[in-house]
Amino acid sequence: MPVKPDALLAEVPHLRRHARLLTGSMELGDEYVRLCLELVVAEPERLEGGELRLELFRAFYDSWEVINRATSGQAPEEASDVDRLEERLAKLAPIDRQVLLLTACEDFTPEQAGWILNLDAAGVDAHLKTAREALRHDAAVPVFIIEDETMIALELSEIIQEMGLTVAGLFARQEDAIAAASGQQPGLVLADIQLADEGNGIAAAQAILQRYHVPIVFVTGYPERLLTGDGLEPAFVVAKPFRVEGLKAMIAHALAVYAAPGQAADHRAKLLGKLRQITGHQLQQQST
């Protein structure tokens, strides 16, 4: 039975997110998705006979392999600091990152990930083991955690320490996080959106980002406040309740993006624009 266009369009945002995580680039990720959609339009039988989401992701990786074989002769970018956690993630073999992101961020089972990537169970397990080990290397990255729920803040602290990172501060209030950032530069920020005393994690993140080039991962029960669907969506967002492995993968991805100065500057500019848009809209609502 032919796939209905509405059903296919409903899956495209998930595929775009995955492609952006995999490539570390909004533009490159969207280009891979475009090529995948061209493939399934030309060969619609690829999406017939099974679960649409599984078939679409398999078609995406089929087109991914064709493109990567054609460009495999290009020299990779030289790593600036091989001891940094983000560089270790960036140096993962593509298949390791693919398996990790499919299972940790897209909620595919290992069996489904194996079917998408044409891997057997042993292959999936081996690649997952390699990817997970890469996330546990030591890295002296100080982390600010902006979270007003004590139990969640403690859980985030444990996750950060499991990854070999350093918890530099726990903050339940917007003004405390901003004040701490005036004296110490964090290497990573985990921020909730709704804070104690009517505080605003978005405003705190904006103030820190205006001062430093630092990756910010929003861990929130209100992801729709950042993923508005209006223009660019540059934020790293993990919805509560979160899966630990999915959060770790997002943290490592954010660090990988900011390991490259060019990508960091581009992402910071886009995210600041997004945060200014949100906080400006909030202030306008309060005044009316």
Protein backbone atom coordinates (compact mmCIF):
# COMPACT_ATOMS: atom_id res chain seq x y z
CA MET A 1 0.00 0.00 0.00
CA PRO A 2 1.44 3.43 -0.95
CA VAL A 3 2.51 5.66 1.95
CA LYS A 4 0.24 8.62 2.62
CA PRO A 5 2.07 11.97 2.24
CA ASP A 6 0.75 13.23 5.61
CA ALA A 7 2.14 10.19 7.39
CA LEU A 8 5.55 10.70 5.78
CA LEU A 9 5.61 14.43 6.61
CA ALA A 10 4.85 13.64 10.25
CA GLU A 11 8.09 11.64 10.47
CA VAL A 12 10.34 14.20 8.77
CA PRO A 13 10.98 16.37 11.91
CA HIS A 14 12.29 13.27 13.74
CA LEU A 15 14.56 12.44 10.83
CA ARG A 16 15.83 16.03 10.64
CA ARG A 17 16.70 16.02 14.35
CA HIS A 18 18.57 12.74 13.96
CA ALA A 19 20.47 13.95 10.89
CA ARG A 20 21.49 17.16 12.66
CA LEU A 21 22.73 15.21 15.69
CA LEU A 22 24.63 12.79 13.48
CA THR A 23 26.37 15.47 11.40
CA GLY A 24 26.66 18.20 14.07
CA SER A 25 25.31 20.65 11.50
CA MET A 26 21.82 21.94 10.80
CA GLU A 27 22.63 22.68 7.15
CA LEU A 28 24.43 19.39 6.45
CA GLY A 29 21.83 17.36 8.33
CA ASP A 30 19.00 18.92 6.34
CA GLU A 31 20.87 18.22 3.11
CA TYR A 32 21.09 14.51 3.98
CA VAL A 33 17.36 14.48 4.74
CA ARG A 34 16.62 16.19 1.42
CA LEU A 35 18.59 13.54 -0.46
CA CYS A 36 16.82 10.78 1.46
CA LEU A 37 13.41 12.21 0.58
CA GLU A 38 14.42 12.45 -3.07
CA LEU A 39 15.33 8.76 -2.89
CA VAL A 40 11.99 7.64 -1.42
CA VAL A 41 10.04 9.82 -3.85
CA ALA A 42 11.90 8.19 -6.76
CA GLU A 43 11.59 4.71 -5.20
CA PRO A 44 8.38 4.74 -3.07
CA GLU A 45 8.49 0.95 -2.68
CA ARG A 46 11.30 1.48 -0.12
CA LEU A 47 8.70 2.65 2.43
CA GLU A 48 6.13 -0.06 1.76
CA GLY A 49 5.60 -3.29 3.64
CA GLY A 50 6.74 -2.33 7.14
CA GLU A 51 6.64 0.27 9.90
CA LEU A 52 7.00 3.67 8.23
CA ARG A 53 9.47 5.15 10.72
CA LEU A 54 11.76 2.13 10.49
CA GLU A 55 11.60 2.06 6.70
CA LEU A 56 12.29 5.81 6.48
CA PHE A 57 15.35 5.63 8.74
CA ARG A 58 16.67 2.66 6.77
CA ALA A 59 16.24 4.61 3.53
CA PHE A 60 18.08 7.52 5.16
CA TYR A 61 21.07 5.31 5.97
CA ASP A 62 21.02 3.78 2.51
CA SER A 63 21.43 7.27 1.03
CA TRP A 64 23.95 8.15 3.77
CA GLU A 65 26.17 5.22 2.76
CA VAL A 66 26.05 6.17 -0.92
CA ILE A 67 27.10 9.77 -0.14
CA ASN A 68 29.81 8.78 2.34
CA ARG A 69 31.36 6.30 -0.08
CA ALA A 70 31.55 9.06 -2.67
CA THR A 71 33.23 11.48 -0.23
CA SER A 72 35.38 9.04 1.77
CA GLY A 73 38.57 10.29 0.16
CA GLN A 74 38.30 13.72 1.72
CA ALA A 75 40.70 14.49 4.57
CA PRO A 76 39.08 14.75 8.03
CA GLU A 77 39.30 17.93 10.07
CA GLU A 78 42.28 17.93 12.41
CA ALA A 79 41.31 17.64 16.09
CA SER A 80 42.38 20.57 18.24
CA ASP A 81 42.61 18.66 21.53
CA VAL A 82 42.38 14.88 21.41
CA ASP A 83 42.10 14.64 25.20
CA ARG A 84 38.80 16.50 25.34
CA LEU A 85 35.62 14.45 25.67
CA GLU A 86 33.97 16.23 22.77
CA GLU A 87 36.88 15.36 20.48
CA ARG A 88 36.65 11.74 21.54
CA LEU A 89 32.99 11.67 20.53
CA ALA A 90 33.79 13.36 17.23
CA LYS A 91 36.44 10.69 16.56
CA LEU A 92 34.00 7.82 17.01
CA ALA A 93 33.65 5.72 13.89
CA PRO A 94 30.43 6.86 12.17
CA ILE A 95 28.77 3.49 12.77
CA ASP A 96 29.34 3.82 16.55
CA ARG A 97 27.67 7.23 16.58
CA GLN A 98 24.85 5.94 14.41
CA VAL A 99 24.04 3.05 16.75
CA LEU A 100 24.30 5.26 19.84
CA LEU A 101 22.04 8.00 18.48
CA LEU A 102 19.46 5.56 17.09
CA THR A 103 19.08 3.79 20.43
CA ALA A 104 19.73 6.62 22.90
CA CYS A 105 17.98 9.53 21.20
CA GLU A 106 15.49 7.96 18.78
CA ASP A 107 14.32 5.18 21.13
CA PHE A 108 14.84 2.41 18.60
CA THR A 109 15.54 -0.98 20.16
CA PRO A 110 18.96 -2.55 19.46
CA GLU A 111 17.18 -5.00 17.16
CA GLN A 112 15.55 -2.16 15.21
CA ALA A 113 18.84 -0.24 15.03
CA GLY A 114 20.50 -3.37 13.66
CA TRP A 115 17.80 -3.72 10.98
CA ILE A 116 18.16 -0.06 9.96
CA LEU A 117 21.95 -0.35 9.71
CA ASN A 118 22.15 -3.93 8.39
CA LEU A 119 23.97 -5.13 11.52
CA ASP A 120 23.51 -8.35 13.47
CA ALA A 121 22.94 -8.37 17.25
CA ALA A 122 26.63 -8.89 18.02
CA GLY A 123 27.58 -5.94 15.81
CA VAL A 124 25.08 -3.63 17.49
CA ASP A 125 26.31 -4.64 20.95
CA ALA A 126 29.95 -4.09 19.98
CA HIS A 127 29.32 -0.63 18.53
CA LEU A 128 27.21 0.40 21.53
CA LYS A 129 29.99 -0.70 23.88
CA THR A 130 32.56 1.36 21.97
CA ALA A 131 30.32 4.44 21.93
CA ARG A 132 29.49 4.22 25.62
CA GLU A 133 33.13 3.82 26.60
CA ALA A 134 33.99 6.95 24.61
CA LEU A 135 31.57 8.95 26.74
CA ARG A 136 33.33 7.97 29.97
CA HIS A 137 36.82 9.31 29.32
CA ASP A 138 38.15 11.88 31.76
CA ALA A 139 37.68 15.50 30.76
CA ALA A 140 38.20 18.56 32.95
CA VAL A 141 35.04 20.34 31.84
CA PRO A 142 33.33 22.39 34.62
CA VAL A 143 29.55 22.09 34.46
CA PHE A 144 26.87 24.45 35.81
CA ILE A 145 23.56 22.77 36.66
CA ILE A 146 20.62 25.19 36.82
CA GLU A 147 17.76 23.18 38.34
CA ASP A 148 15.44 23.98 41.25
CA GLU A 149 14.25 20.42 41.95
CA THR A 150 16.79 18.94 44.37
CA MET A 151 16.39 15.29 43.37
CA ILE A 152 16.73 16.06 39.67
CA ALA A 153 19.77 18.27 40.34
CA LEU A 154 21.43 15.43 42.24
CA GLU A 155 20.62 12.96 39.45
CA LEU A 156 22.12 15.32 36.88
CA SER A 157 25.22 15.66 39.07
CA GLU A 158 25.67 11.89 39.14
CA ILE A 159 25.32 11.68 35.36
CA ILE A 160 27.88 14.45 34.85
CA GLN A 161 30.37 12.71 37.13
CA GLU A 162 29.78 9.36 35.41
CA MET A 163 30.84 11.06 32.17
CA GLY A 164 34.09 12.21 33.78
CA LEU A 165 33.03 15.86 33.90
CA THR A 166 33.17 18.16 36.93
CA VAL A 167 30.15 19.71 38.66
CA ALA A 168 31.21 23.32 39.20
CA GLY A 169 27.94 24.54 40.70
CA LEU A 170 24.29 23.73 41.44
CA PHE A 171 21.88 26.67 41.14
CA ALA A 172 18.15 26.78 41.86
CA ARG A 173 17.77 30.48 41.04
CA GLN A 174 18.41 32.49 37.91
CA GLU A 175 20.35 35.26 39.62
CA ASP A 176 22.68 32.81 41.43
CA ALA A 177 23.70 31.14 38.17
CA ILE A 178 24.34 34.48 36.47
CA ALA A 179 26.38 35.74 39.44
CA ALA A 180 28.51 32.57 39.49
CA ALA A 181 29.19 32.89 35.76
CA SER A 182 30.57 36.38 36.29
CA GLY A 183 33.47 34.85 38.23
CA GLN A 184 33.92 31.45 36.57
CA GLN A 185 33.51 30.28 33.00
CA PRO A 186 31.59 27.00 32.74
CA GLY A 187 32.48 24.49 30.06
CA LEU A 188 28.90 23.26 29.84
CA VAL A 189 25.53 24.36 31.23
CA LEU A 190 22.51 22.15 31.95
CA ALA A 191 19.48 24.37 32.47
CA ASP A 192 15.85 23.88 33.36
CA ILE A 193 13.47 26.53 32.06
CA GLN A 194 11.14 27.13 35.01
CA LEU A 195 13.07 27.91 38.20
CA ALA A 196 12.42 28.83 41.83
CA ASP A 197 11.14 32.32 42.73
CA GLU A 198 9.68 32.72 39.23
CA GLY A 199 13.18 32.48 37.78
CA ASN A 200 13.77 31.87 34.11
CA GLY A 201 16.37 29.36 32.93
CA ILE A 202 16.19 30.78 29.41
CA ALA A 203 17.16 34.24 30.69
CA ALA A 204 19.98 32.73 32.77
CA ALA A 205 21.28 30.82 29.76
CA GLN A 206 21.10 33.95 27.62
CA ALA A 207 23.13 35.97 30.15
CA ILE A 208 25.81 33.25 30.34
CA LEU A 209 25.92 32.83 26.57
CA GLN A 210 26.37 36.57 26.06
CA ARG A 211 29.55 36.34 28.15
CA TYR A 212 30.98 33.00 27.02
CA HIS A 213 31.05 30.54 24.10
CA VAL A 214 29.61 27.59 26.03
CA PRO A 215 27.25 24.74 25.07
CA ILE A 216 23.90 24.84 26.87
CA VAL A 217 21.64 21.80 27.12
CA PHE A 218 18.10 22.56 28.27
CA VAL A 219 16.63 19.76 30.39
CA THR A 220 13.00 20.68 30.78
CA GLY A 221 9.42 19.57 31.07
CA TYR A 222 8.47 22.40 28.70
CA PRO A 223 10.46 21.71 25.49
CA GLU A 224 7.78 23.47 23.42
CA ARG A 225 8.93 26.81 24.86
CA LEU A 226 12.21 26.38 22.98
CA LEU A 227 11.16 24.21 20.06
CA THR A 228 8.54 26.66 18.87
CA GLY A 229 8.64 25.70 15.21
CA ASP A 230 9.19 29.37 14.36
CA GLY A 231 12.34 29.68 12.27
CA LEU A 232 15.62 28.01 13.30
CA GLU A 233 15.72 25.52 16.17
CA PRO A 234 19.33 25.67 17.35
CA ALA A 235 18.80 24.69 20.99
CA PHE A 236 20.03 21.40 22.50
CA VAL A 237 16.87 20.22 24.28
CA VAL A 238 16.17 17.10 26.36
CA ALA A 239 12.59 16.63 27.55
CA LYS A 240 11.75 15.48 31.07
CA PRO A 241 11.40 12.74 32.07
CA PHE A 242 14.67 11.98 30.32
CA ARG A 243 16.49 8.75 29.52
CA VAL A 244 20.00 8.80 31.01
CA GLU A 245 21.72 7.48 27.90
CA GLY A 246 19.82 9.93 25.69
CA LEU A 247 20.90 12.83 27.91
CA LYS A 248 24.53 11.66 27.81
CA ALA A 249 24.43 11.48 24.03
CA MET A 250 22.99 15.01 23.81
CA ILE A 251 25.65 16.36 26.20
CA ALA A 252 28.43 14.73 24.20
CA HIS A 253 26.96 16.07 20.96
CA ALA A 254 26.75 19.62 22.37
CA LEU A 255 30.39 19.42 23.48
CA ALA A 256 31.40 18.11 20.07
CA VAL A 257 29.76 21.06 18.31
CA TYR A 258 31.55 23.55 20.58
CA ALA A 259 34.92 21.80 20.16
CA ALA A 260 35.14 23.34 16.67
CA PRO A 261 35.50 27.16 16.96
CA GLY A 262 33.66 27.83 13.72
CA GLN A 263 30.70 25.64 14.62
CA ALA A 264 30.66 27.06 18.16
CA ALA A 265 30.47 30.67 16.95
CA ASP A 266 27.75 29.85 14.45
CA HIS A 267 25.66 27.89 16.95
CA ARG A 268 26.08 30.53 19.68
CA ALA A 269 24.90 33.32 17.36
CA LYS A 270 21.82 31.37 16.29
CA LEU A 271 20.94 30.29 19.82
CA LEU A 272 21.34 33.83 21.19
CA GLY A 273 18.99 35.06 18.49
CA LYS A 274 16.45 32.41 19.46
CA LEU A 275 16.72 33.18 23.19
CA ARG A 276 16.39 36.94 22.61
CA GLN A 277 13.28 36.26 20.55
CA ILE A 278 11.76 34.17 23.37
CA THR A 279 12.66 36.51 26.24
CA GLY A 280 11.53 39.54 24.23
CA HIS A 281 8.17 37.89 23.61
CA GLN A 282 7.83 37.04 27.30
CA LEU A 283 8.57 40.63 28.33
CA GLN A 284 6.01 41.88 25.83
CA GLN A 285 3.38 39.55 27.29
CA GLN A 286 4.15 40.73 30.83
CA SER A 287 3.80 44.40 29.85
CA THR A 288 0.39 43.78 28.28
